[in-house]
């Protein structure tokens, strides 16, 4: 594990796990996982139209991909990412 996270790949699915943030609560916190999608802008637009809350639109990241964070019904957040290609 480097940079505080580890990635598992099984066929077309990728699971990225991050270290727990110390002092955080059981709800209303960053959950530390990301879901990789092939078209993040389409996903963002579709889910926004359905009333899903995001912290903002997808943004370009230093590693070359796009990322946005979703807010669930308990005010927890997790990430959607689209790899650089």
C-alpha atoms as a PDB file:
ATOM      1  CA  UNK A   1       0.000   0.000   0.000  1.00  0.00           C
ATOM      2  CA  UNK A   2       1.402   3.405  -0.945  1.00  0.00           C
ATOM      3  CA  UNK A   3      -0.055   6.897  -0.745  1.00  0.00           C
ATOM      4  CA  UNK A   4      -2.585   5.638   1.836  1.00  0.00           C
ATOM      5  CA  UNK A   5      -4.641   3.478  -0.506  1.00  0.00           C
ATOM      6  CA  UNK A   6      -4.699   0.064  -2.190  1.00  0.00           C
ATOM      7  CA  UNK A   7      -6.402  -1.051  -5.412  1.00  0.00           C
ATOM      8  CA  UNK A   8      -7.885  -4.495  -6.110  1.00  0.00           C
ATOM      9  CA  UNK A   9      -8.760  -5.496  -9.694  1.00  0.00           C
ATOM     10  CA  UNK A  10     -11.118  -8.388 -10.533  1.00  0.00           C
ATOM     11  CA  UNK A  11     -11.978  -8.664 -14.220  1.00  0.00           C
ATOM     12  CA  UNK A  12     -13.506  -5.268 -15.133  1.00  0.00           C
ATOM     13  CA  UNK A  13     -14.142  -4.200 -11.523  1.00  0.00           C
ATOM     14  CA  UNK A  14     -11.674  -2.138  -9.522  1.00  0.00           C
ATOM     15  CA  UNK A  15     -11.928  -1.556  -5.766  1.00  0.00           C
ATOM     16  CA  UNK A  16      -9.853   1.225  -4.202  1.00  0.00           C
ATOM     17  CA  UNK A  17      -9.639   1.310  -0.382  1.00  0.00           C
ATOM     18  CA  UNK A  18      -8.189   4.197   1.620  1.00  0.00           C
ATOM     19  CA  UNK A  19      -7.043   4.433   5.225  1.00  0.00           C
ATOM     20  CA  UNK A  20      -9.631   5.573   7.775  1.00  0.00           C
ATOM     21  CA  UNK A  21      -9.444   9.246   8.682  1.00  0.00           C
ATOM     22  CA  UNK A  22      -8.771   9.523  12.419  1.00  0.00           C
ATOM     23  CA  UNK A  23     -11.375  11.350  14.517  1.00  0.00           C
ATOM     24  CA  UNK A  24     -14.173  11.011  11.994  1.00  0.00           C
ATOM     25  CA  UNK A  25     -17.773  10.175  12.877  1.00  0.00           C
ATOM     26  CA  UNK A  26     -19.758   7.113  11.799  1.00  0.00           C
ATOM     27  CA  UNK A  27     -21.919   9.227   9.488  1.00  0.00           C
ATOM     28  CA  UNK A  28     -21.535  12.471   7.569  1.00  0.00           C
ATOM     29  CA  UNK A  29     -17.964  11.612   6.603  1.00  0.00           C
ATOM     30  CA  UNK A  30     -15.849  10.667   3.614  1.00  0.00           C
ATOM     31  CA  UNK A  31     -16.210   6.895   3.216  1.00  0.00           C
ATOM     32  CA  UNK A  32     -12.885   6.402   1.456  1.00  0.00           C
ATOM     33  CA  UNK A  33     -13.936   4.457  -1.624  1.00  0.00           C
ATOM     34  CA  UNK A  34     -14.224   5.288  -5.300  1.00  0.00           C
ATOM     35  CA  UNK A  35     -16.229   3.760  -8.134  1.00  0.00           C
ATOM     36  CA  UNK A  36     -14.626   3.952 -11.568  1.00  0.00           C
ATOM     37  CA  UNK A  37     -17.003   4.629 -14.466  1.00  0.00           C
ATOM     38  CA  UNK A  38     -16.431   4.947 -18.210  1.00  0.00           C
ATOM     39  CA  UNK A  39     -18.396   8.206 -18.708  1.00  0.00           C
ATOM     40  CA  UNK A  40     -18.415  10.334 -15.565  1.00  0.00           C
ATOM     41  CA  UNK A  41     -20.063  13.357 -17.213  1.00  0.00           C
ATOM     42  CA  UNK A  42     -23.028  11.278 -18.391  1.00  0.00           C
ATOM     43  CA  UNK A  43     -23.331   9.673 -14.942  1.00  0.00           C
ATOM     44  CA  UNK A  44     -23.172  13.083 -13.234  1.00  0.00           C
ATOM     45  CA  UNK A  45     -25.838  14.577 -15.519  1.00  0.00           C
ATOM     46  CA  UNK A  46     -28.180  11.569 -15.197  1.00  0.00           C
ATOM     47  CA  UNK A  47     -27.926  11.361 -11.407  1.00  0.00           C
ATOM     48  CA  UNK A  48     -28.184  15.139 -10.937  1.00  0.00           C
ATOM     49  CA  UNK A  49     -31.417  15.124 -12.981  1.00  0.00           C
ATOM     50  CA  UNK A  50     -32.720  12.441 -10.579  1.00  0.00           C
ATOM     51  CA  UNK A  51     -31.977  14.597  -7.542  1.00  0.00           C
ATOM     52  CA  UNK A  52     -28.741  12.955  -6.384  1.00  0.00           C
ATOM     53  CA  UNK A  53     -26.464  15.379  -4.543  1.00  0.00           C
ATOM     54  CA  UNK A  54     -22.820  15.905  -5.504  1.00  0.00           C
ATOM     55  CA  UNK A  55     -20.161  18.168  -4.019  1.00  0.00           C
ATOM     56  CA  UNK A  56     -19.713  19.606  -7.512  1.00  0.00           C
ATOM     57  CA  UNK A  57     -19.248  18.585 -11.136  1.00  0.00           C
ATOM     58  CA  UNK A  58     -16.425  16.239 -12.167  1.00  0.00           C
ATOM     59  CA  UNK A  59     -13.030  17.939 -12.123  1.00  0.00           C
ATOM     60  CA  UNK A  60      -9.712  17.112 -13.792  1.00  0.00           C
ATOM     61  CA  UNK A  61      -7.241  15.606 -11.300  1.00  0.00           C
ATOM     62  CA  UNK A  62      -3.437  15.798 -11.139  1.00  0.00           C
ATOM     63  CA  UNK A  63      -3.259  12.101 -12.103  1.00  0.00           C
ATOM     64  CA  UNK A  64      -5.050  12.879 -15.393  1.00  0.00           C
ATOM     65  CA  UNK A  65      -8.535  11.520 -14.708  1.00  0.00           C
ATOM     66  CA  UNK A  66     -11.814  13.091 -13.612  1.00  0.00           C
ATOM     67  CA  UNK A  67     -13.399  12.844 -10.167  1.00  0.00           C
ATOM     68  CA  UNK A  68     -16.547  13.951  -8.345  1.00  0.00           C
ATOM     69  CA  UNK A  69     -17.995  13.118  -4.945  1.00  0.00           C
ATOM     70  CA  UNK A  70     -21.565  11.973  -4.247  1.00  0.00           C
ATOM     71  CA  UNK A  71     -23.421  12.706  -0.994  1.00  0.00           C
ATOM     72  CA  UNK A  72     -25.616   9.851   0.267  1.00  0.00           C
ATOM     73  CA  UNK A  73     -28.775  10.042   2.416  1.00  0.00           C
ATOM     74  CA  UNK A  74     -26.664   9.967   5.632  1.00  0.00           C
ATOM     75  CA  UNK A  75     -24.473  12.812   4.331  1.00  0.00           C
ATOM     76  CA  UNK A  76     -21.534  10.472   3.758  1.00  0.00           C
ATOM     77  CA  UNK A  77     -19.492  11.100   0.625  1.00  0.00           C
ATOM     78  CA  UNK A  78     -17.709   8.788  -1.782  1.00  0.00           C
ATOM     79  CA  UNK A  79     -16.106   9.269  -5.162  1.00  0.00           C
ATOM     80  CA  UNK A  80     -16.791   8.486  -8.778  1.00  0.00           C
ATOM     81  CA  UNK A  81     -13.718   8.529 -10.995  1.00  0.00           C
ATOM     82  CA  UNK A  82     -12.982   8.212 -14.691  1.00  0.00           C
ATOM     83  CA  UNK A  83      -9.440   7.188 -15.541  1.00  0.00           C
ATOM     84  CA  UNK A  84      -7.259   9.096 -17.948  1.00  0.00           C
ATOM     85  CA  UNK A  85      -7.337   7.754 -21.468  1.00  0.00           C
END
